[in-house]
Amino acid sequence: MPKAFRKEFRTEGCTAHIRKRKSGKTHWNYEVRYRGHGYNISATANNLEEAKMKSLFKLKEAEKTGRKAPEKKPASKKLGEFADYIFETYYKRKVTAETYKNNLNRYRNHIEPVFGQTAIEKIMPADCQALIDGIEEQGKGKTADEVCSILSMIFRLAVKHSILVHDPMELVIHKQHETQHGKALTTEEEKILLEKSAGTPYQKMFAVALYTGMRPNEFETARVEGDFIVSVNSKRKSGKTEYKKIPIIAPLKPFLTEGELKFYGTNRLRERFKLILPEHKIYDLRTTFYTRCCEFGVSDAARSEFVGHSLGALGNAYTDLSDEFLLSEGESSTNGVLCPNLCLKTAKKPNDTRKNQ
């Protein structure tokens, strides 16, 4: 932009006013407005010349149709009404069903009771800051992160829909809480978990989680298919239902004599797990499986298939692992000896000269 920014635009015998406005943190947009002779013309664009062309087009259209009455100002919209619209028509199509359900619940529990009945343009940065600070003071750092993210989405889309000019969350100060990563069980803890749940249906559930690395929200879709356990991969955002296959390894087979998988609700499973291993969380079973895969030399491609990680756009497009390869990766790599805790590949000896699969 030139240093001397012209605030007027003359065309068709009319003088329109130009306003330069901040759009986000680093961008600007331009509004060209003409009011006179009964007209109320406004055109906005990120490029000044484009804004001028839009205003000229609107002026000529108004002259043709004779519609000179000023445009009515949109009715004030409550945040709750707009949020319901965003969740149903936009967010639902963007994320997985589980993510949608969880974040909708977070909105209902933490945001709607505070801002649901408030006109969205009346919500100030200080109001948002107070909400976030209040959640953090309760020691709920992860919840504060999630609420902050949901509010940012709602206000950002309100700006996109021309309901707001500025996003109040841009002035909110929030430091992301430090995430605590999972902790793998020791071999002794694995033994304790299975022994103390023996004689109950929980034992099979814990064994499946321990020897497959499934996420807790994937348990309900798991089923046995031949030599594999198949479940929906819950971390795919393409909109398509994708499945992952995990070999039924030797330590797991004794728990699957009936061939069926039935899981209690994850909350009940978490409660029973905490009674046995209070220093762990149920997601640590997935961490344990992934750790054992690394320790015993399972190939990266097979490990990613087992736990449902992406191989990247190129890898996903050109990789189609055979059942034989996946099964072999679940077996011993030296002399058919199985790891006593997880039937995954035994670490290769230094003098092993065989090629990697």
Protein backbone atom coordinates (compact mmCIF):
# COMPACT_ATOMS: atom_id res chain seq x y z
CA MET A 1 0.00 0.00 0.00
CA PRO A 2 1.25 3.52 -0.73
CA LYS A 3 1.98 5.64 2.31
CA ALA A 4 -0.76 8.09 1.35
CA PHE A 5 -3.80 5.82 1.38
CA ARG A 6 -6.67 7.37 -0.60
CA LYS A 7 -9.87 7.12 1.37
CA GLU A 8 -12.18 8.07 -1.51
CA PHE A 9 -13.02 6.41 -4.79
CA ARG A 10 -14.71 8.39 -7.59
CA THR A 11 -16.68 6.53 -10.24
CA GLU A 12 -19.84 6.98 -12.31
CA GLY A 13 -20.16 10.48 -10.88
CA CYS A 14 -20.29 9.13 -7.34
CA THR A 15 -17.81 9.45 -4.50
CA ALA A 16 -17.42 6.29 -2.45
CA HIS A 17 -15.46 5.99 0.76
CA ILE A 18 -12.78 3.36 1.29
CA ARG A 19 -12.02 1.77 4.62
CA LYS A 20 -9.00 -0.44 5.30
CA ARG A 21 -9.63 -3.04 8.03
CA LYS A 22 -7.54 -5.65 9.83
CA SER A 23 -8.42 -9.23 8.88
CA GLY A 24 -6.77 -11.73 11.20
CA LYS A 25 -3.31 -11.11 12.59
CA THR A 26 -1.39 -10.27 9.41
CA HIS A 27 -3.89 -9.48 6.65
CA TRP A 28 -6.10 -6.57 5.65
CA ASN A 29 -9.29 -6.19 3.67
CA TYR A 30 -10.97 -3.21 2.07
CA GLU A 31 -14.53 -1.94 2.16
CA VAL A 32 -15.84 0.46 -0.50
CA ARG A 33 -19.10 2.12 0.61
CA TYR A 34 -21.32 4.58 -1.22
CA ARG A 35 -24.24 6.28 0.49
CA GLY A 36 -26.20 8.87 -1.39
CA HIS A 37 -29.30 9.45 -3.50
CA GLY A 38 -31.04 6.68 -1.60
CA TYR A 39 -28.31 4.08 -2.22
CA ASN A 40 -26.46 2.11 0.41
CA ILE A 41 -23.79 0.14 -1.45
CA SER A 42 -21.04 -1.77 0.32
CA ALA A 43 -18.44 -4.10 -1.20
CA THR A 44 -15.59 -5.89 0.56
CA ALA A 45 -12.52 -7.78 -0.69
CA ASN A 46 -8.97 -8.57 0.36
CA ASN A 47 -7.72 -6.70 -2.72
CA LEU A 48 -8.51 -2.98 -3.13
CA GLU A 49 -9.05 -3.14 -6.90
CA GLU A 50 -11.38 -6.11 -6.49
CA ALA A 51 -13.38 -4.19 -3.86
CA LYS A 52 -13.72 -1.24 -6.28
CA MET A 53 -14.94 -3.51 -9.08
CA LYS A 54 -17.48 -5.14 -6.76
CA SER A 55 -18.84 -1.76 -5.65
CA LEU A 56 -19.16 -0.59 -9.26
CA PHE A 57 -21.04 -3.77 -10.18
CA LYS A 58 -23.41 -3.39 -7.22
CA LEU A 59 -24.06 0.26 -8.06
CA LYS A 60 -25.00 -0.58 -11.65
CA GLU A 61 -27.22 -3.46 -10.49
CA ALA A 62 -28.99 -1.09 -8.07
CA GLU A 63 -29.57 1.41 -10.87
CA LYS A 64 -31.06 -1.28 -13.11
CA THR A 65 -33.40 -2.71 -10.51
CA GLY A 66 -34.23 0.59 -8.84
CA ARG A 67 -33.71 -0.93 -5.41
CA LYS A 68 -32.40 1.98 -3.41
CA ALA A 69 -33.66 1.14 0.07
CA PRO A 70 -30.84 0.67 2.57
CA GLU A 71 -30.05 -2.91 3.43
CA LYS A 72 -31.48 -4.05 6.71
CA LYS A 73 -28.98 -4.73 9.46
CA PRO A 74 -28.91 -8.47 10.27
CA ALA A 75 -30.76 -9.39 13.43
CA SER A 76 -28.60 -10.00 16.46
CA LYS A 77 -27.71 -13.69 16.77
CA LYS A 78 -27.17 -15.49 20.05
CA LEU A 79 -23.99 -17.50 20.35
CA GLY A 80 -25.97 -20.65 21.16
CA GLU A 81 -27.96 -20.40 17.92
CA PHE A 82 -24.86 -19.87 15.81
CA ALA A 83 -22.90 -22.61 17.61
CA ASP A 84 -25.70 -25.14 17.00
CA TYR A 85 -25.63 -24.22 13.31
CA ILE A 86 -21.82 -24.58 13.12
CA PHE A 87 -21.73 -27.93 14.90
CA GLU A 88 -24.51 -29.42 12.78
CA THR A 89 -23.66 -28.10 9.29
CA TYR A 90 -19.89 -27.60 9.42
CA TYR A 91 -18.04 -29.33 12.26
CA LYS A 92 -19.97 -32.60 11.97
CA ARG A 93 -18.68 -33.07 8.41
CA LYS A 94 -15.09 -32.21 9.27
CA VAL A 95 -14.24 -34.57 12.15
CA THR A 96 -14.87 -38.16 13.22
CA ALA A 97 -18.10 -39.06 14.99
CA GLU A 98 -16.26 -39.59 18.28
CA THR A 99 -14.51 -36.19 18.11
CA TYR A 100 -17.79 -34.51 17.20
CA LYS A 101 -19.58 -36.10 20.15
CA ASN A 102 -16.82 -35.23 22.63
CA ASN A 103 -16.44 -31.60 21.59
CA LEU A 104 -20.19 -31.05 21.41
CA ASN A 105 -20.38 -32.30 25.01
CA ARG A 106 -17.57 -29.93 26.02
CA TYR A 107 -19.45 -27.06 24.41
CA ARG A 108 -22.69 -28.03 26.21
CA ASN A 109 -20.93 -28.37 29.57
CA HIS A 110 -18.61 -25.35 29.58
CA ILE A 111 -19.57 -22.77 26.93
CA GLU A 112 -23.32 -22.91 26.41
CA PRO A 113 -24.22 -22.30 30.10
CA VAL A 114 -22.09 -19.11 30.06
CA PHE A 115 -22.57 -17.64 26.56
CA GLY A 116 -25.47 -19.58 25.01
CA GLN A 117 -28.09 -16.86 25.47
CA THR A 118 -25.73 -13.90 24.84
CA ALA A 119 -25.70 -11.98 21.56
CA ILE A 120 -22.49 -13.05 19.88
CA GLU A 121 -21.33 -9.48 19.19
CA LYS A 122 -21.70 -8.65 22.89
CA ILE A 123 -19.11 -11.20 24.01
CA MET A 124 -15.87 -9.40 24.81
CA PRO A 125 -12.30 -10.77 25.03
CA ALA A 126 -12.42 -10.23 28.82
CA ASP A 127 -15.48 -12.53 29.03
CA CYS A 128 -13.65 -15.29 27.17
CA GLN A 129 -10.53 -14.79 29.25
CA ALA A 130 -12.55 -15.14 32.46
CA LEU A 131 -14.09 -18.41 31.26
CA ILE A 132 -10.72 -19.93 30.28
CA ASP A 133 -9.03 -18.74 33.49
CA GLY A 134 -11.83 -20.21 35.60
CA ILE A 135 -11.39 -23.64 34.02
CA GLU A 136 -7.61 -23.51 34.49
CA GLU A 137 -7.99 -22.57 38.15
CA GLN A 138 -9.88 -25.83 38.65
CA GLY A 139 -6.77 -27.68 37.48
CA LYS A 140 -8.41 -28.71 34.19
CA GLY A 141 -5.64 -27.71 31.79
CA LYS A 142 -6.65 -30.05 28.96
CA THR A 143 -10.30 -28.94 29.20
CA ALA A 144 -9.17 -25.29 29.03
CA ASP A 145 -7.24 -26.10 25.84
CA GLU A 146 -10.29 -27.74 24.29
CA VAL A 147 -12.72 -24.96 25.30
CA CYS A 148 -10.28 -22.39 23.93
CA SER A 149 -10.15 -24.27 20.63
CA ILE A 150 -13.96 -24.54 20.37
CA LEU A 151 -14.47 -20.84 21.10
CA SER A 152 -11.85 -19.93 18.51
CA MET A 153 -13.65 -22.05 15.90
CA ILE A 154 -17.03 -20.46 16.66
CA PHE A 155 -15.78 -16.87 16.58
CA ARG A 156 -13.55 -17.44 13.54
CA LEU A 157 -16.52 -18.73 11.57
CA ALA A 158 -18.68 -15.87 12.87
CA VAL A 159 -16.18 -13.52 11.23
CA LYS A 160 -16.33 -15.57 8.02
CA HIS A 161 -20.12 -15.29 8.07
CA SER A 162 -19.87 -11.49 8.50
CA ILE A 163 -21.56 -11.68 11.90
CA LEU A 164 -18.44 -10.29 13.60
CA VAL A 165 -15.69 -8.01 12.38
CA HIS A 166 -13.08 -9.23 14.88
CA ASP A 167 -12.48 -12.50 16.72
CA PRO A 168 -12.43 -11.76 20.49
CA MET A 169 -10.28 -14.84 21.08
CA GLU A 170 -7.35 -13.09 19.36
CA LEU A 171 -6.85 -11.07 22.55
CA VAL A 172 -7.20 -14.00 24.96
CA ILE A 173 -3.96 -15.09 26.60
CA HIS A 174 -3.77 -18.84 27.03
CA LYS A 175 -0.77 -21.11 27.40
CA GLN A 176 -1.24 -24.66 26.16
CA HIS A 177 -0.96 -27.08 29.06
CA GLU A 178 1.84 -29.63 28.98
CA THR A 179 0.54 -32.97 27.77
CA GLN A 180 1.48 -36.03 29.80
CA HIS A 181 2.33 -38.87 27.45
CA GLY A 182 1.41 -42.48 28.09
CA LYS A 183 3.60 -44.76 30.19
CA ALA A 184 4.16 -48.36 29.13
CA LEU A 185 3.45 -51.13 31.62
CA THR A 186 6.37 -53.20 32.86
CA THR A 187 6.29 -56.94 32.21
CA GLU A 188 5.47 -57.44 35.89
CA GLU A 189 2.54 -55.00 35.66
CA GLU A 190 1.23 -56.85 32.59
CA LYS A 191 1.24 -60.06 34.61
CA ILE A 192 -0.51 -58.39 37.59
CA LEU A 193 -3.24 -56.94 35.32
CA LEU A 194 -4.12 -60.30 33.78
CA GLU A 195 -3.85 -62.26 37.04
CA LYS A 196 -6.01 -59.90 39.08
CA SER A 197 -8.71 -59.81 36.41
CA ALA A 198 -8.74 -63.60 35.97
CA GLY A 199 -12.17 -65.19 36.25
CA THR A 200 -13.93 -62.01 35.07
CA PRO A 201 -14.94 -60.80 31.59
CA TYR A 202 -12.53 -57.90 32.12
CA GLN A 203 -9.54 -60.19 31.63
CA LYS A 204 -10.36 -60.79 27.96
CA MET A 205 -10.92 -57.07 27.40
CA PHE A 206 -7.60 -56.15 29.00
CA ALA A 207 -5.80 -58.85 27.01
CA VAL A 208 -7.25 -57.62 23.71
CA ALA A 209 -6.30 -54.02 24.53
CA LEU A 210 -2.81 -55.06 25.65
CA TYR A 211 -2.04 -57.28 22.66
CA THR A 212 -3.62 -55.18 19.88
CA GLY A 213 -2.96 -51.55 20.87
CA MET A 214 -6.48 -50.46 19.97
CA ARG A 215 -7.69 -47.08 21.16
CA PRO A 216 -10.43 -47.31 23.83
CA ASN A 217 -12.99 -45.79 21.45
CA GLU A 218 -12.29 -48.58 18.92
CA PHE A 219 -13.21 -51.46 21.23
CA GLU A 220 -16.90 -51.44 20.33
CA THR A 221 -16.16 -51.96 16.60
CA ALA A 222 -13.61 -54.77 17.09
CA ARG A 223 -14.37 -58.21 15.70
CA VAL A 224 -12.48 -61.43 14.95
CA GLU A 225 -11.87 -62.25 11.28
CA GLY A 226 -9.77 -65.37 10.82
CA ASP A 227 -6.26 -64.73 12.14
CA PHE A 228 -6.92 -61.03 12.73
CA ILE A 229 -8.83 -58.62 14.90
CA VAL A 230 -10.37 -55.92 12.73
CA SER A 231 -11.66 -52.59 14.01
CA VAL A 232 -12.63 -49.19 12.67
CA ASN A 233 -9.71 -46.78 12.65
CA SER A 234 -11.13 -43.90 14.69
CA LYS A 235 -8.49 -41.36 13.65
CA ARG A 236 -9.32 -40.92 9.99
CA LYS A 237 -10.83 -37.59 8.88
CA SER A 238 -11.41 -38.39 5.20
CA GLY A 239 -15.10 -39.08 5.87
CA LYS A 240 -14.66 -42.71 4.82
CA THR A 241 -14.84 -45.62 7.23
CA GLU A 242 -11.39 -47.23 7.32
CA TYR A 243 -10.41 -50.43 9.08
CA LYS A 244 -7.17 -51.71 10.55
CA LYS A 245 -6.01 -55.30 11.03
CA ILE A 246 -4.01 -56.63 13.96
CA PRO A 247 -2.75 -60.24 14.00
CA ILE A 248 -4.07 -62.45 16.80
CA ILE A 249 -0.70 -63.18 18.38
CA ALA A 250 0.03 -66.28 20.50
CA PRO A 251 -0.42 -64.71 23.98
CA LEU A 252 -3.86 -63.45 22.93
CA LYS A 253 -5.24 -66.67 21.46
CA PRO A 254 -6.10 -68.33 24.80
CA PHE A 255 -8.39 -65.42 25.63
CA LEU A 256 -10.34 -65.74 22.35
CA THR A 257 -11.54 -69.32 22.58
CA GLU A 258 -15.15 -68.25 22.05
CA GLY A 259 -14.23 -66.17 19.01
CA GLU A 260 -16.42 -63.25 20.04
CA LEU A 261 -15.49 -59.83 21.38
CA LYS A 262 -17.82 -58.10 23.81
CA PHE A 263 -16.69 -55.01 25.66
CA TYR A 264 -18.17 -53.20 28.61
CA GLY A 265 -18.45 -49.43 28.30
CA THR A 266 -15.04 -47.74 28.42
CA ASN A 267 -15.90 -45.95 31.67
CA ARG A 268 -16.45 -49.27 33.49
CA LEU A 269 -13.28 -50.63 31.93
CA ARG A 270 -11.30 -47.60 33.12
CA GLU A 271 -12.66 -47.94 36.66
CA ARG A 272 -11.68 -51.62 36.93
CA PHE A 273 -8.27 -50.92 35.36
CA LYS A 274 -7.59 -48.15 37.92
CA LEU A 275 -8.39 -50.50 40.80
CA ILE A 276 -5.65 -52.86 39.62
CA LEU A 277 -3.04 -50.36 38.37
CA PRO A 278 -3.83 -46.97 39.96
CA GLU A 279 -0.64 -45.36 38.61
CA HIS A 280 -1.68 -46.01 35.01
CA LYS A 281 -4.52 -45.09 32.67
CA ILE A 282 -6.16 -47.47 30.23
CA TYR A 283 -4.58 -45.69 27.24
CA ASP A 284 -1.24 -46.96 28.60
CA LEU A 285 -2.16 -50.39 27.21
CA ARG A 286 -1.86 -48.89 23.72
CA THR A 287 1.45 -47.27 24.69
CA THR A 288 2.66 -50.67 25.94
CA PHE A 289 1.78 -52.40 22.68
CA TYR A 290 3.50 -49.72 20.57
CA THR A 291 6.56 -49.84 22.83
CA ARG A 292 6.85 -53.61 22.55
CA CYS A 293 6.58 -53.36 18.76
CA CYS A 294 9.56 -51.01 18.78
CA GLU A 295 11.54 -53.11 21.26
CA PHE A 296 11.15 -56.36 19.31
CA GLY A 297 11.81 -55.03 15.84
CA VAL A 298 8.40 -54.92 14.15
CA SER A 299 8.75 -53.00 10.87
CA ASP A 300 7.52 -49.41 10.77
CA ALA A 301 4.91 -50.16 8.10
CA ALA A 302 3.43 -53.11 10.02
CA ARG A 303 3.49 -51.23 13.32
CA SER A 304 1.63 -48.31 11.72
CA GLU A 305 -0.95 -50.72 10.30
CA PHE A 306 -1.47 -52.35 13.69
CA VAL A 307 -2.01 -49.12 15.63
CA GLY A 308 -3.81 -47.25 12.83
CA HIS A 309 -1.23 -44.58 12.07
CA SER A 310 -1.03 -42.94 8.66
CA LEU A 311 1.89 -43.77 6.36
CA GLY A 312 1.56 -40.32 4.80
CA ALA A 313 -0.31 -39.43 1.61
CA LEU A 314 2.18 -41.23 -0.63
CA GLY A 315 2.53 -44.23 1.67
CA ASN A 316 -1.23 -44.67 2.00
CA ALA A 317 -1.66 -44.44 -1.77
CA TYR A 318 1.01 -46.99 -2.71
CA THR A 319 1.10 -49.39 0.25
CA ASP A 320 -1.14 -52.45 0.53
CA LEU A 321 0.38 -54.85 3.03
CA SER A 322 -0.47 -58.53 2.59
CA ASP A 323 -1.99 -60.64 5.34
CA GLU A 324 1.04 -62.95 5.17
CA PHE A 325 3.40 -60.05 5.85
CA LEU A 326 1.33 -58.78 8.77
CA LEU A 327 1.15 -62.25 10.30
CA SER A 328 4.88 -62.75 9.91
CA GLU A 329 5.51 -59.45 11.67
CA GLY A 330 3.49 -60.78 14.60
CA GLU A 331 5.66 -63.84 14.93
CA SER A 332 9.17 -64.48 16.20
CA SER A 333 12.02 -63.48 13.91
CA THR A 334 14.60 -65.93 15.27
CA ASN A 335 14.12 -69.71 15.55
CA GLY A 336 10.37 -69.37 16.09
CA VAL A 337 10.93 -68.25 19.69
CA LEU A 338 8.13 -66.09 21.02
CA CYS A 339 8.52 -63.16 23.33
CA PRO A 340 7.10 -64.35 26.69
CA ASN A 341 4.98 -61.21 27.12
CA LEU A 342 4.01 -60.14 23.61
CA CYS A 343 4.19 -62.36 20.58
CA LEU A 344 5.98 -59.78 18.47
CA LYS A 345 9.31 -59.87 16.74
CA THR A 346 12.28 -60.73 18.91
CA ALA A 347 15.09 -58.20 18.61
CA LYS A 348 17.54 -59.31 15.91
CA LYS A 349 20.96 -60.47 17.05
CA PRO A 350 23.95 -58.36 15.95
CA ASN A 351 25.23 -61.17 13.70
CA ASP A 352 21.85 -61.74 12.02
CA THR A 353 22.58 -61.28 8.29
CA ARG A 354 19.07 -61.87 6.96
CA LYS A 355 17.45 -59.07 5.05
CA ASN A 356 14.73 -57.02 6.71
CA GLN A 357 11.28 -57.79 5.46
